[in-house]
Amino acid sequence: PAGENIVGLNGKVSGEGTIRRSIDPAAK
């Protein structure tokens, strides 16, 4: 139904990622 940060609790849902597109093969 929800993540911690939407139901009024203190906390966050977070992370990291990488994306590449055909016009720029370098990972962002």
mmCIF file of all heavy atoms, coordinates in Angstrom:
data_MODEL
# 
_entry.id   MODEL 
# 
loop_
_atom_site.group_PDB 
_atom_site.id 
_atom_site.type_symbol 
_atom_site.label_atom_id 
_atom_site.label_alt_id 
_atom_site.label_comp_id 
_atom_site.label_asym_id 
_atom_site.label_entity_id 
_atom_site.label_seq_id 
_atom_site.pdbx_PDB_ins_code 
_atom_site.Cartn_x 
_atom_site.Cartn_y 
_atom_site.Cartn_z 
_atom_site.occupancy 
_atom_site.B_iso_or_equiv 
_atom_site.pdbx_formal_charge 
_atom_site.auth_seq_id 
_atom_site.auth_comp_id 
_atom_site.auth_asym_id 
_atom_site.auth_atom_id 
_atom_site.pdbx_PDB_model_num 
ATOM 1   N N   . PRO A 1 1  ? 0.786  -1.237 0.000   1.00 0.00 ? 1  PRO A N   1 
ATOM 2   C CA  . PRO A 1 1  ? 0.000  0.000  0.000   1.00 0.00 ? 1  PRO A CA  1 
ATOM 3   C C   . PRO A 1 1  ? 0.816  1.285  0.000   1.00 0.00 ? 1  PRO A C   1 
ATOM 4   O O   . PRO A 1 1  ? 0.356  2.304  -0.486  1.00 0.00 ? 1  PRO A O   1 
ATOM 5   C CB  . PRO A 1 1  ? -0.827 -0.086 1.286   1.00 0.00 ? 1  PRO A CB  1 
ATOM 6   C CG  . PRO A 1 1  ? -0.767 -1.497 1.722   1.00 0.00 ? 1  PRO A CG  1 
ATOM 7   C CD  . PRO A 1 1  ? 0.511  -2.051 1.181   1.00 0.00 ? 1  PRO A CD  1 
ATOM 8   N N   . ALA A 1 2  ? 2.043  1.282  0.581   1.00 0.00 ? 2  ALA A N   1 
ATOM 9   C CA  . ALA A 1 2  ? 2.753  2.552  0.707   1.00 0.00 ? 2  ALA A CA  1 
ATOM 10  C C   . ALA A 1 2  ? 4.209  2.346  1.082   1.00 0.00 ? 2  ALA A C   1 
ATOM 11  O O   . ALA A 1 2  ? 4.627  1.258  1.430   1.00 0.00 ? 2  ALA A O   1 
ATOM 12  C CB  . ALA A 1 2  ? 2.088  3.411  1.787   1.00 0.00 ? 2  ALA A CB  1 
ATOM 13  N N   . GLY A 1 3  ? 4.953  3.458  1.009   1.00 0.00 ? 3  GLY A N   1 
ATOM 14  C CA  . GLY A 1 3  ? 6.320  3.506  1.509   1.00 0.00 ? 3  GLY A CA  1 
ATOM 15  C C   . GLY A 1 3  ? 6.340  4.296  2.798   1.00 0.00 ? 3  GLY A C   1 
ATOM 16  O O   . GLY A 1 3  ? 5.428  5.087  3.066   1.00 0.00 ? 3  GLY A O   1 
ATOM 17  N N   . GLU A 1 4  ? 7.375  4.117  3.596   1.00 0.00 ? 4  GLU A N   1 
ATOM 18  C CA  . GLU A 1 4  ? 7.472  4.739  4.913   1.00 0.00 ? 4  GLU A CA  1 
ATOM 19  C C   . GLU A 1 4  ? 7.233  6.243  4.870   1.00 0.00 ? 4  GLU A C   1 
ATOM 20  O O   . GLU A 1 4  ? 6.541  6.797  5.705   1.00 0.00 ? 4  GLU A O   1 
ATOM 21  C CB  . GLU A 1 4  ? 8.854  4.456  5.504   1.00 0.00 ? 4  GLU A CB  1 
ATOM 22  C CG  . GLU A 1 4  ? 9.104  5.121  6.822   1.00 0.00 ? 4  GLU A CG  1 
ATOM 23  C CD  . GLU A 1 4  ? 10.477 4.797  7.366   1.00 0.00 ? 4  GLU A CD  1 
ATOM 24  O OE1 . GLU A 1 4  ? 11.394 4.541  6.587   1.00 0.00 ? 4  GLU A OE1 1 
ATOM 25  O OE2 . GLU A 1 4  ? 10.620 4.804  8.588   1.00 0.00 ? 4  GLU A OE2 1 
ATOM 26  N N   . ASN A 1 5  ? 7.787  6.911  3.874   1.00 0.00 ? 5  ASN A N   1 
ATOM 27  C CA  . ASN A 1 5  ? 7.737  8.363  3.847   1.00 0.00 ? 5  ASN A CA  1 
ATOM 28  C C   . ASN A 1 5  ? 6.379  8.928  3.432   1.00 0.00 ? 5  ASN A C   1 
ATOM 29  O O   . ASN A 1 5  ? 6.175  10.120 3.500   1.00 0.00 ? 5  ASN A O   1 
ATOM 30  C CB  . ASN A 1 5  ? 8.844  8.916  2.941   1.00 0.00 ? 5  ASN A CB  1 
ATOM 31  C CG  . ASN A 1 5  ? 8.875  8.222  1.608   1.00 0.00 ? 5  ASN A CG  1 
ATOM 32  O OD1 . ASN A 1 5  ? 8.187  7.235  1.389   1.00 0.00 ? 5  ASN A OD1 1 
ATOM 33  N ND2 . ASN A 1 5  ? 9.674  8.720  0.701   1.00 0.00 ? 5  ASN A ND2 1 
ATOM 34  N N   . ILE A 1 6  ? 5.450  8.111  3.020   1.00 0.00 ? 6  ILE A N   1 
ATOM 35  C CA  . ILE A 1 6  ? 4.136  8.628  2.632   1.00 0.00 ? 6  ILE A CA  1 
ATOM 36  C C   . ILE A 1 6  ? 3.113  8.470  3.753   1.00 0.00 ? 6  ILE A C   1 
ATOM 37  O O   . ILE A 1 6  ? 2.079  9.090  3.752   1.00 0.00 ? 6  ILE A O   1 
ATOM 38  C CB  . ILE A 1 6  ? 3.627  7.952  1.332   1.00 0.00 ? 6  ILE A CB  1 
ATOM 39  C CG1 . ILE A 1 6  ? 2.460  8.732  0.723   1.00 0.00 ? 6  ILE A CG1 1 
ATOM 40  C CG2 . ILE A 1 6  ? 3.226  6.524  1.561   1.00 0.00 ? 6  ILE A CG2 1 
ATOM 41  C CD1 . ILE A 1 6  ? 2.816  10.063 0.191   1.00 0.00 ? 6  ILE A CD1 1 
ATOM 42  N N   . VAL A 1 7  ? 3.381  7.668  4.736   1.00 0.00 ? 7  VAL A N   1 
ATOM 43  C CA  . VAL A 1 7  ? 2.385  7.427  5.780   1.00 0.00 ? 7  VAL A CA  1 
ATOM 44  C C   . VAL A 1 7  ? 2.685  8.200  7.063   1.00 0.00 ? 7  VAL A C   1 
ATOM 45  O O   . VAL A 1 7  ? 2.214  7.850  8.126   1.00 0.00 ? 7  VAL A O   1 
ATOM 46  C CB  . VAL A 1 7  ? 2.240  5.914  6.084   1.00 0.00 ? 7  VAL A CB  1 
ATOM 47  C CG1 . VAL A 1 7  ? 1.669  5.187  4.892   1.00 0.00 ? 7  VAL A CG1 1 
ATOM 48  C CG2 . VAL A 1 7  ? 3.551  5.293  6.501   1.00 0.00 ? 7  VAL A CG2 1 
ATOM 49  N N   . GLY A 1 8  ? 3.455  9.264  6.954   1.00 0.00 ? 8  GLY A N   1 
ATOM 50  C CA  . GLY A 1 8  ? 3.671  10.128 8.096   1.00 0.00 ? 8  GLY A CA  1 
ATOM 51  C C   . GLY A 1 8  ? 4.778  9.703  9.039   1.00 0.00 ? 8  GLY A C   1 
ATOM 52  O O   . GLY A 1 8  ? 4.974  10.320 10.070  1.00 0.00 ? 8  GLY A O   1 
ATOM 53  N N   . LEU A 1 9  ? 5.505  8.671  8.712   1.00 0.00 ? 9  LEU A N   1 
ATOM 54  C CA  . LEU A 1 9  ? 6.616  8.238  9.556   1.00 0.00 ? 9  LEU A CA  1 
ATOM 55  C C   . LEU A 1 9  ? 7.877  8.975  9.147   1.00 0.00 ? 9  LEU A C   1 
ATOM 56  O O   . LEU A 1 9  ? 8.018  9.418  8.021   1.00 0.00 ? 9  LEU A O   1 
ATOM 57  C CB  . LEU A 1 9  ? 6.831  6.732  9.407   1.00 0.00 ? 9  LEU A CB  1 
ATOM 58  C CG  . LEU A 1 9  ? 5.639  5.853  9.780   1.00 0.00 ? 9  LEU A CG  1 
ATOM 59  C CD1 . LEU A 1 9  ? 5.937  4.412  9.423   1.00 0.00 ? 9  LEU A CD1 1 
ATOM 60  C CD2 . LEU A 1 9  ? 5.330  5.968  11.256  1.00 0.00 ? 9  LEU A CD2 1 
ATOM 61  N N   . ASN A 1 10 ? 8.805  9.112  10.066  1.00 0.00 ? 10 ASN A N   1 
ATOM 62  C CA  . ASN A 1 10 ? 10.078 9.725  9.715   1.00 0.00 ? 10 ASN A CA  1 
ATOM 63  C C   . ASN A 1 10 ? 10.931 8.690  9.014   1.00 0.00 ? 10 ASN A C   1 
ATOM 64  O O   . ASN A 1 10 ? 11.069 7.572  9.481   1.00 0.00 ? 10 ASN A O   1 
ATOM 65  C CB  . ASN A 1 10 ? 10.799 10.227 10.969  1.00 0.00 ? 10 ASN A CB  1 
ATOM 66  C CG  . ASN A 1 10 ? 10.082 11.392 11.588  1.00 0.00 ? 10 ASN A CG  1 
ATOM 67  O OD1 . ASN A 1 10 ? 9.494  12.196 10.874  1.00 0.00 ? 10 ASN A OD1 1 
ATOM 68  N ND2 . ASN A 1 10 ? 10.129 11.485 12.892  1.00 0.00 ? 10 ASN A ND2 1 
ATOM 69  N N   . GLY A 1 11 ? 11.485 9.056  7.907   1.00 0.00 ? 11 GLY A N   1 
ATOM 70  C CA  . GLY A 1 11 ? 12.328 8.133  7.164   1.00 0.00 ? 11 GLY A CA  1 
ATOM 71  C C   . GLY A 1 11 ? 12.207 8.417  5.693   1.00 0.00 ? 11 GLY A C   1 
ATOM 72  O O   . GLY A 1 11 ? 11.376 9.201  5.255   1.00 0.00 ? 11 GLY A O   1 
ATOM 73  N N   . LYS A 1 12 ? 13.045 7.771  4.928   1.00 0.00 ? 12 LYS A N   1 
ATOM 74  C CA  . LYS A 1 12 ? 12.965 7.963  3.489   1.00 0.00 ? 12 LYS A CA  1 
ATOM 75  C C   . LYS A 1 12 ? 13.332 6.677  2.791   1.00 0.00 ? 12 LYS A C   1 
ATOM 76  O O   . LYS A 1 12 ? 13.998 5.810  3.353   1.00 0.00 ? 12 LYS A O   1 
ATOM 77  C CB  . LYS A 1 12 ? 13.839 9.112  3.027   1.00 0.00 ? 12 LYS A CB  1 
ATOM 78  C CG  . LYS A 1 12 ? 15.328 8.936  3.287   1.00 0.00 ? 12 LYS A CG  1 
ATOM 79  C CD  . LYS A 1 12 ? 16.073 10.172 2.841   1.00 0.00 ? 12 LYS A CD  1 
ATOM 80  C CE  . LYS A 1 12 ? 17.559 10.044 3.140   1.00 0.00 ? 12 LYS A CE  1 
ATOM 81  N NZ  . LYS A 1 12 ? 18.286 11.228 2.741   1.00 0.00 ? 12 LYS A NZ  1 
ATOM 82  N N   . VAL A 1 13 ? 12.863 6.580  1.585   1.00 0.00 ? 13 VAL A N   1 
ATOM 83  C CA  . VAL A 1 13 ? 13.209 5.464  0.724   1.00 0.00 ? 13 VAL A CA  1 
ATOM 84  C C   . VAL A 1 13 ? 14.141 6.060  -0.324  1.00 0.00 ? 13 VAL A C   1 
ATOM 85  O O   . VAL A 1 13 ? 13.780 7.006  -1.021  1.00 0.00 ? 13 VAL A O   1 
ATOM 86  C CB  . VAL A 1 13 ? 11.953 4.848  0.069   1.00 0.00 ? 13 VAL A CB  1 
ATOM 87  C CG1 . VAL A 1 13 ? 12.330 3.661  -0.783  1.00 0.00 ? 13 VAL A CG1 1 
ATOM 88  C CG2 . VAL A 1 13 ? 10.943 4.443  1.140   1.00 0.00 ? 13 VAL A CG2 1 
ATOM 89  N N   . SER A 1 14 ? 15.358 5.551  -0.395  1.00 0.00 ? 14 SER A N   1 
ATOM 90  C CA  . SER A 1 14 ? 16.335 6.163  -1.283  1.00 0.00 ? 14 SER A CA  1 
ATOM 91  C C   . SER A 1 14 ? 17.288 5.119  -1.845  1.00 0.00 ? 14 SER A C   1 
ATOM 92  O O   . SER A 1 14 ? 17.278 3.969  -1.436  1.00 0.00 ? 14 SER A O   1 
ATOM 93  C CB  . SER A 1 14 ? 17.116 7.244  -0.539  1.00 0.00 ? 14 SER A CB  1 
ATOM 94  O OG  . SER A 1 14 ? 17.800 6.682  0.556   1.00 0.00 ? 14 SER A OG  1 
ATOM 95  N N   . GLY A 1 15 ? 18.104 5.572  -2.789  1.00 0.00 ? 15 GLY A N   1 
ATOM 96  C CA  . GLY A 1 15 ? 19.076 4.679  -3.390  1.00 0.00 ? 15 GLY A CA  1 
ATOM 97  C C   . GLY A 1 15 ? 19.920 5.406  -4.399  1.00 0.00 ? 15 GLY A C   1 
ATOM 98  O O   . GLY A 1 15 ? 20.028 6.630  -4.378  1.00 0.00 ? 15 GLY A O   1 
ATOM 99  N N   . GLU A 1 16 ? 20.488 4.641  -5.306  1.00 0.00 ? 16 GLU A N   1 
ATOM 100 C CA  . GLU A 1 16 ? 21.320 5.216  -6.366  1.00 0.00 ? 16 GLU A CA  1 
ATOM 101 C C   . GLU A 1 16 ? 21.116 4.433  -7.644  1.00 0.00 ? 16 GLU A C   1 
ATOM 102 O O   . GLU A 1 16 ? 20.603 3.316  -7.631  1.00 0.00 ? 16 GLU A O   1 
ATOM 103 C CB  . GLU A 1 16 ? 22.776 5.244  -5.947  1.00 0.00 ? 16 GLU A CB  1 
ATOM 104 C CG  . GLU A 1 16 ? 23.327 3.932  -5.470  1.00 0.00 ? 16 GLU A CG  1 
ATOM 105 C CD  . GLU A 1 16 ? 24.714 4.092  -4.859  1.00 0.00 ? 16 GLU A CD  1 
ATOM 106 O OE1 . GLU A 1 16 ? 24.917 5.003  -4.051  1.00 0.00 ? 16 GLU A OE1 1 
ATOM 107 O OE2 . GLU A 1 16 ? 25.586 3.295  -5.221  1.00 0.00 ? 16 GLU A OE2 1 
ATOM 108 N N   . GLY A 1 17 ? 21.526 5.049  -8.747  1.00 0.00 ? 17 GLY A N   1 
ATOM 109 C CA  . GLY A 1 17 ? 21.319 4.388  -10.026 1.00 0.00 ? 17 GLY A CA  1 
ATOM 110 C C   . GLY A 1 17 ? 22.288 4.851  -11.086 1.00 0.00 ? 17 GLY A C   1 
ATOM 111 O O   . GLY A 1 17 ? 23.121 5.740  -10.867 1.00 0.00 ? 17 GLY A O   1 
ATOM 112 N N   . THR A 1 18 ? 22.144 4.240  -12.245 1.00 0.00 ? 18 THR A N   1 
ATOM 113 C CA  . THR A 1 18 ? 22.967 4.526  -13.419 1.00 0.00 ? 18 THR A CA  1 
ATOM 114 C C   . THR A 1 18 ? 22.063 4.498  -14.642 1.00 0.00 ? 18 THR A C   1 
ATOM 115 O O   . THR A 1 18 ? 21.161 3.674  -14.726 1.00 0.00 ? 18 THR A O   1 
ATOM 116 C CB  . THR A 1 18 ? 24.056 3.447  -13.595 1.00 0.00 ? 18 THR A CB  1 
ATOM 117 O OG1 . THR A 1 18 ? 24.841 3.398  -12.406 1.00 0.00 ? 18 THR A OG1 1 
ATOM 118 C CG2 . THR A 1 18 ? 24.947 3.730  -14.780 1.00 0.00 ? 18 THR A CG2 1 
ATOM 119 N N   . ILE A 1 19 ? 22.318 5.409  -15.585 1.00 0.00 ? 19 ILE A N   1 
ATOM 120 C CA  . ILE A 1 19 ? 21.572 5.406  -16.836 1.00 0.00 ? 19 ILE A CA  1 
ATOM 121 C C   . ILE A 1 19 ? 22.531 5.683  -17.992 1.00 0.00 ? 19 ILE A C   1 
ATOM 122 O O   . ILE A 1 19 ? 23.488 6.444  -17.851 1.00 0.00 ? 19 ILE A O   1 
ATOM 123 C CB  . ILE A 1 19 ? 20.421 6.438  -16.799 1.00 0.00 ? 19 ILE A CB  1 
ATOM 124 C CG1 . ILE A 1 19 ? 19.489 6.252  -17.987 1.00 0.00 ? 19 ILE A CG1 1 
ATOM 125 C CG2 . ILE A 1 19 ? 20.944 7.854  -16.701 1.00 0.00 ? 19 ILE A CG2 1 
ATOM 126 C CD1 . ILE A 1 19 ? 18.178 6.992  -17.855 1.00 0.00 ? 19 ILE A CD1 1 
ATOM 127 N N   . ARG A 1 20 ? 22.274 5.008  -19.106 1.00 0.00 ? 20 ARG A N   1 
ATOM 128 C CA  . ARG A 1 20 ? 23.029 5.237  -20.349 1.00 0.00 ? 20 ARG A CA  1 
ATOM 129 C C   . ARG A 1 20 ? 22.020 5.381  -21.477 1.00 0.00 ? 20 ARG A C   1 
ATOM 130 O O   . ARG A 1 20 ? 21.019 4.671  -21.515 1.00 0.00 ? 20 ARG A O   1 
ATOM 131 C CB  . ARG A 1 20 ? 23.932 4.055  -20.691 1.00 0.00 ? 20 ARG A CB  1 
ATOM 132 C CG  . ARG A 1 20 ? 25.065 3.800  -19.750 1.00 0.00 ? 20 ARG A CG  1 
ATOM 133 C CD  . ARG A 1 20 ? 25.823 2.534  -20.199 1.00 0.00 ? 20 ARG A CD  1 
ATOM 134 N NE  . ARG A 1 20 ? 26.625 2.003  -19.153 1.00 0.00 ? 20 ARG A NE  1 
ATOM 135 C CZ  . ARG A 1 20 ? 27.949 2.193  -19.037 1.00 0.00 ? 20 ARG A CZ  1 
ATOM 136 N NH1 . ARG A 1 20 ? 28.576 2.898  -19.937 1.00 0.00 ? 20 ARG A NH1 1 
ATOM 137 N NH2 . ARG A 1 20 ? 28.606 1.663  -18.039 1.00 0.00 ? 20 ARG A NH2 1 
ATOM 138 N N   . ARG A 1 21 ? 22.316 6.281  -22.403 1.00 0.00 ? 21 ARG A N   1 
ATOM 139 C CA  . ARG A 1 21 ? 21.466 6.453  -23.584 1.00 0.00 ? 21 ARG A CA  1 
ATOM 140 C C   . ARG A 1 21 ? 22.288 6.222  -24.844 1.00 0.00 ? 21 ARG A C   1 
ATOM 141 O O   . ARG A 1 21 ? 23.511 6.347  -24.831 1.00 0.00 ? 21 ARG A O   1 
ATOM 142 C CB  . ARG A 1 21 ? 20.854 7.850  -23.610 1.00 0.00 ? 21 ARG A CB  1 
ATOM 143 C CG  . ARG A 1 21 ? 19.906 8.071  -22.458 1.00 0.00 ? 21 ARG A CG  1 
ATOM 144 C CD  . ARG A 1 21 ? 19.238 9.412  -22.514 1.00 0.00 ? 21 ARG A CD  1 
ATOM 145 N NE  . ARG A 1 21 ? 20.220 10.485 -22.449 1.00 0.00 ? 21 ARG A NE  1 
ATOM 146 C CZ  . ARG A 1 21 ? 20.004 11.708 -22.923 1.00 0.00 ? 21 ARG A CZ  1 
ATOM 147 N NH1 . ARG A 1 21 ? 18.870 12.005 -23.490 1.00 0.00 ? 21 ARG A NH1 1 
ATOM 148 N NH2 . ARG A 1 21 ? 20.928 12.629 -22.817 1.00 0.00 ? 21 ARG A NH2 1 
ATOM 149 N N   . SER A 1 22 ? 21.604 5.935  -25.928 1.00 0.00 ? 22 SER A N   1 
ATOM 150 C CA  . SER A 1 22 ? 22.285 5.638  -27.195 1.00 0.00 ? 22 SER A CA  1 
ATOM 151 C C   . SER A 1 22 ? 23.102 6.823  -27.697 1.00 0.00 ? 22 SER A C   1 
ATOM 152 O O   . SER A 1 22 ? 24.094 6.633  -28.395 1.00 0.00 ? 22 SER A O   1 
ATOM 153 C CB  . SER A 1 22 ? 21.272 5.204  -28.257 1.00 0.00 ? 22 SER A CB  1 
ATOM 154 O OG  . SER A 1 22 ? 20.300 6.219  -28.461 1.00 0.00 ? 22 SER A OG  1 
ATOM 155 N N   . ILE A 1 23 ? 22.745 8.049  -27.345 1.00 0.00 ? 23 ILE A N   1 
ATOM 156 C CA  . ILE A 1 23 ? 23.494 9.217  -27.829 1.00 0.00 ? 23 ILE A CA  1 
ATOM 157 C C   . ILE A 1 23 ? 24.720 9.532  -26.981 1.00 0.00 ? 23 ILE A C   1 
ATOM 158 O O   . ILE A 1 23 ? 25.523 10.369 -27.358 1.00 0.00 ? 23 ILE A O   1 
ATOM 159 C CB  . ILE A 1 23 ? 22.595 10.474 -27.915 1.00 0.00 ? 23 ILE A CB  1 
ATOM 160 C CG1 . ILE A 1 23 ? 22.029 10.828 -26.544 1.00 0.00 ? 23 ILE A CG1 1 
ATOM 161 C CG2 . ILE A 1 23 ? 21.498 10.291 -28.938 1.00 0.00 ? 23 ILE A CG2 1 
ATOM 162 C CD1 . ILE A 1 23 ? 21.350 12.174 -26.490 1.00 0.00 ? 23 ILE A CD1 1 
ATOM 163 N N   . ASP A 1 24 ? 24.849 8.891  -25.835 1.00 0.00 ? 24 ASP A N   1 
ATOM 164 C CA  . ASP A 1 24 ? 25.988 9.129  -24.947 1.00 0.00 ? 24 ASP A CA  1 
ATOM 165 C C   . ASP A 1 24 ? 26.264 7.847  -24.173 1.00 0.00 ? 24 ASP A C   1 
ATOM 166 O O   . ASP A 1 24 ? 25.605 7.565  -23.184 1.00 0.00 ? 24 ASP A O   1 
ATOM 167 C CB  . ASP A 1 24 ? 25.687 10.271 -23.983 1.00 0.00 ? 24 ASP A CB  1 
ATOM 168 C CG  . ASP A 1 24 ? 26.863 10.594 -23.068 1.00 0.00 ? 24 ASP A CG  1 
ATOM 169 O OD1 . ASP A 1 24 ? 27.947 9.981  -23.230 1.00 0.00 ? 24 ASP A OD1 1 
ATOM 170 O OD2 . ASP A 1 24 ? 26.698 11.460 -22.205 1.00 0.00 ? 24 ASP A OD2 1 
ATOM 171 N N   . PRO A 1 25 ? 27.227 7.041  -24.618 1.00 0.00 ? 25 PRO A N   1 
ATOM 172 C CA  . PRO A 1 25 ? 27.468 5.748  -23.975 1.00 0.00 ? 25 PRO A CA  1 
ATOM 173 C C   . PRO A 1 25 ? 28.038 5.837  -22.553 1.00 0.00 ? 25 PRO A C   1 
ATOM 174 O O   . PRO A 1 25 ? 28.071 4.845  -21.843 1.00 0.00 ? 25 PRO A O   1 
ATOM 175 C CB  . PRO A 1 25 ? 28.456 5.062  -24.916 1.00 0.00 ? 25 PRO A CB  1 
ATOM 176 C CG  . PRO A 1 25 ? 29.122 6.166  -25.662 1.00 0.00 ? 25 PRO A CG  1 
ATOM 177 C CD  . PRO A 1 25 ? 28.120 7.274  -25.756 1.00 0.00 ? 25 PRO A CD  1 
ATOM 178 N N   . ALA A 1 26 ? 28.455 7.042  -22.126 1.00 0.00 ? 26 ALA A N   1 
ATOM 179 C CA  . ALA A 1 26 ? 28.989 7.182  -20.761 1.00 0.00 ? 26 ALA A CA  1 
ATOM 180 C C   . ALA A 1 26 ? 27.859 7.022  -19.749 1.00 0.00 ? 26 ALA A C   1 
ATOM 181 O O   . ALA A 1 26 ? 26.774 7.571  -19.918 1.00 0.00 ? 26 ALA A O   1 
ATOM 182 C CB  . ALA A 1 26 ? 29.653 8.543  -20.601 1.00 0.00 ? 26 ALA A CB  1 
ATOM 183 N N   . ALA A 1 27 ? 28.143 6.273  -18.711 1.00 0.00 ? 27 ALA A N   1 
ATOM 184 C CA  . ALA A 1 27 ? 27.154 6.077  -17.652 1.00 0.00 ? 27 ALA A CA  1 
ATOM 185 C C   . ALA A 1 27 ? 27.005 7.355  -16.833 1.00 0.00 ? 27 ALA A C   1 
ATOM 186 O O   . ALA A 1 27 ? 27.983 8.001  -16.497 1.00 0.00 ? 27 ALA A O   1 
ATOM 187 C CB  . ALA A 1 27 ? 27.575 4.930  -16.744 1.00 0.00 ? 27 ALA A CB  1 
ATOM 188 N N   . LYS A 1 28 ? 25.771 7.733  -16.550 1.00 0.00 ? 28 LYS A N   1 
ATOM 189 C CA  . LYS A 1 28 ? 25.467 8.868  -15.678 1.00 0.00 ? 28 LYS A CA  1 
ATOM 190 C C   . LYS A 1 28 ? 24.972 8.287  -14.361 1.00 0.00 ? 28 LYS A C   1 
ATOM 191 O O   . LYS A 1 28 ? 24.053 7.476  -14.334 1.00 0.00 ? 28 LYS A O   1 
ATOM 192 C CB  . LYS A 1 28 ? 24.388 9.753  -16.283 1.00 0.00 ? 28 LYS A CB  1 
ATOM 193 C CG  . LYS A 1 28 ? 24.703 10.267 -17.671 1.00 0.00 ? 28 LYS A CG  1 
ATOM 194 C CD  . LYS A 1 28 ? 25.800 11.288 -17.629 1.00 0.00 ? 28 LYS A CD  1 
ATOM 195 C CE  . LYS A 1 28 ? 25.979 11.836 -19.046 1.00 0.00 ? 28 LYS A CE  1 
ATOM 196 N NZ  . LYS A 1 28 ? 27.147 12.613 -19.208 1.00 0.00 ? 28 LYS A NZ  1 
# 
